[in-house]
Amino acid sequence: MKSQQLPTISPSHKPRQYPVALPHPATPIVNKPIQDLQALPQSFFARPAEQVAPDLIGCLLVKRQPTGEQLWGVIVETEA
């Protein structure tokens, strides 16, 4: 089997620049830590994936970083 060589980008190639300026500064959706939320109980997940997956839609997924910062997002899609 003949090895295939990947195409290379010449040193003069520059990535395309897209406009990044916003008409106004971005506003965070939440600027306070998310508190007083209960984690889903283990029994929630002790069901067939076909039942759990649609029930997760719209749930908030929160991860606390070691620095105390919280990363979060809303679940909009699942696969079972």
Protein backbone atom coordinates (compact mmCIF):
# COMPACT_ATOMS: atom_id res chain seq x y z
CA MET A 1 0.00 0.00 0.00
CA LYS A 2 1.40 3.36 -1.03
CA SER A 3 1.54 5.95 1.77
CA GLN A 4 -0.42 9.09 1.17
CA GLN A 5 1.21 12.44 1.81
CA LEU A 6 -0.93 15.10 3.44
CA PRO A 7 -1.12 18.52 1.79
CA THR A 8 0.99 21.23 3.37
CA ILE A 9 0.24 24.89 3.88
CA SER A 10 2.84 27.26 2.59
CA PRO A 11 4.46 29.62 5.13
CA SER A 12 2.93 32.58 3.28
CA HIS A 13 -0.59 31.24 3.86
CA LYS A 14 -2.52 33.35 6.36
CA PRO A 15 -5.82 32.25 7.85
CA ARG A 16 -8.82 34.24 6.77
CA GLN A 17 -9.68 37.01 9.21
CA TYR A 18 -13.30 37.38 10.24
CA PRO A 19 -14.71 40.51 11.85
CA VAL A 20 -14.64 40.15 15.61
CA ALA A 21 -15.82 43.58 16.74
CA LEU A 22 -19.23 43.61 18.37
CA PRO A 23 -21.43 46.69 18.32
CA HIS A 24 -21.50 46.54 22.13
CA PRO A 25 -19.73 44.47 24.81
CA ALA A 26 -21.11 40.99 25.37
CA THR A 27 -23.24 40.62 28.47
CA PRO A 28 -22.98 37.40 30.48
CA ILE A 29 -26.25 35.53 30.87
CA VAL A 30 -25.48 34.80 34.52
CA ASN A 31 -23.02 36.87 36.52
CA LYS A 32 -23.62 35.28 39.92
CA PRO A 33 -22.71 31.73 40.91
CA ILE A 34 -25.44 29.19 40.37
CA GLN A 35 -26.61 28.05 43.80
CA ASP A 36 -29.43 26.19 45.45
CA LEU A 37 -29.75 23.64 42.67
CA GLN A 38 -30.15 19.99 43.55
CA ALA A 39 -28.25 17.39 41.58
CA LEU A 40 -30.41 14.81 39.87
CA PRO A 41 -30.71 11.73 42.09
CA GLN A 42 -29.02 8.51 41.07
CA SER A 43 -32.46 6.96 40.61
CA PHE A 44 -33.06 9.43 37.74
CA PHE A 45 -30.28 7.69 35.79
CA ALA A 46 -31.28 4.15 36.85
CA ARG A 47 -33.68 3.87 33.91
CA PRO A 48 -33.27 2.84 30.29
CA ALA A 49 -31.32 5.39 28.24
CA GLU A 50 -34.32 5.85 25.95
CA GLN A 51 -36.24 7.29 28.92
CA VAL A 52 -33.40 9.29 30.50
CA ALA A 53 -32.21 11.02 27.31
CA PRO A 54 -35.37 13.05 26.55
CA ASP A 55 -35.76 13.96 30.24
CA LEU A 56 -32.28 15.55 30.22
CA ILE A 57 -33.27 18.11 27.57
CA GLY A 58 -33.43 21.53 29.19
CA CYS A 59 -31.47 20.48 32.28
CA LEU A 60 -28.62 22.69 33.44
CA LEU A 61 -25.18 21.05 33.45
CA VAL A 62 -22.84 22.76 35.94
CA LYS A 63 -19.15 22.04 36.56
CA ARG A 64 -17.25 23.74 39.34
CA GLN A 65 -13.60 24.37 38.47
CA PRO A 66 -10.84 23.99 41.10
CA THR A 67 -10.63 27.81 41.10
CA GLY A 68 -14.28 28.01 42.19
CA GLU A 69 -15.43 29.27 38.80
CA GLN A 70 -18.54 27.59 37.43
CA LEU A 71 -18.93 26.47 33.85
CA TRP A 72 -22.46 25.71 32.77
CA GLY A 73 -24.71 25.06 29.84
CA VAL A 74 -28.20 23.88 29.03
CA ILE A 75 -28.55 20.40 27.55
CA VAL A 76 -30.18 20.81 24.14
CA GLU A 77 -29.49 17.45 22.54
CA THR A 78 -28.98 13.86 23.68
CA GLU A 79 -28.42 10.45 22.11
CA ALA A 80 -29.60 7.19 23.52
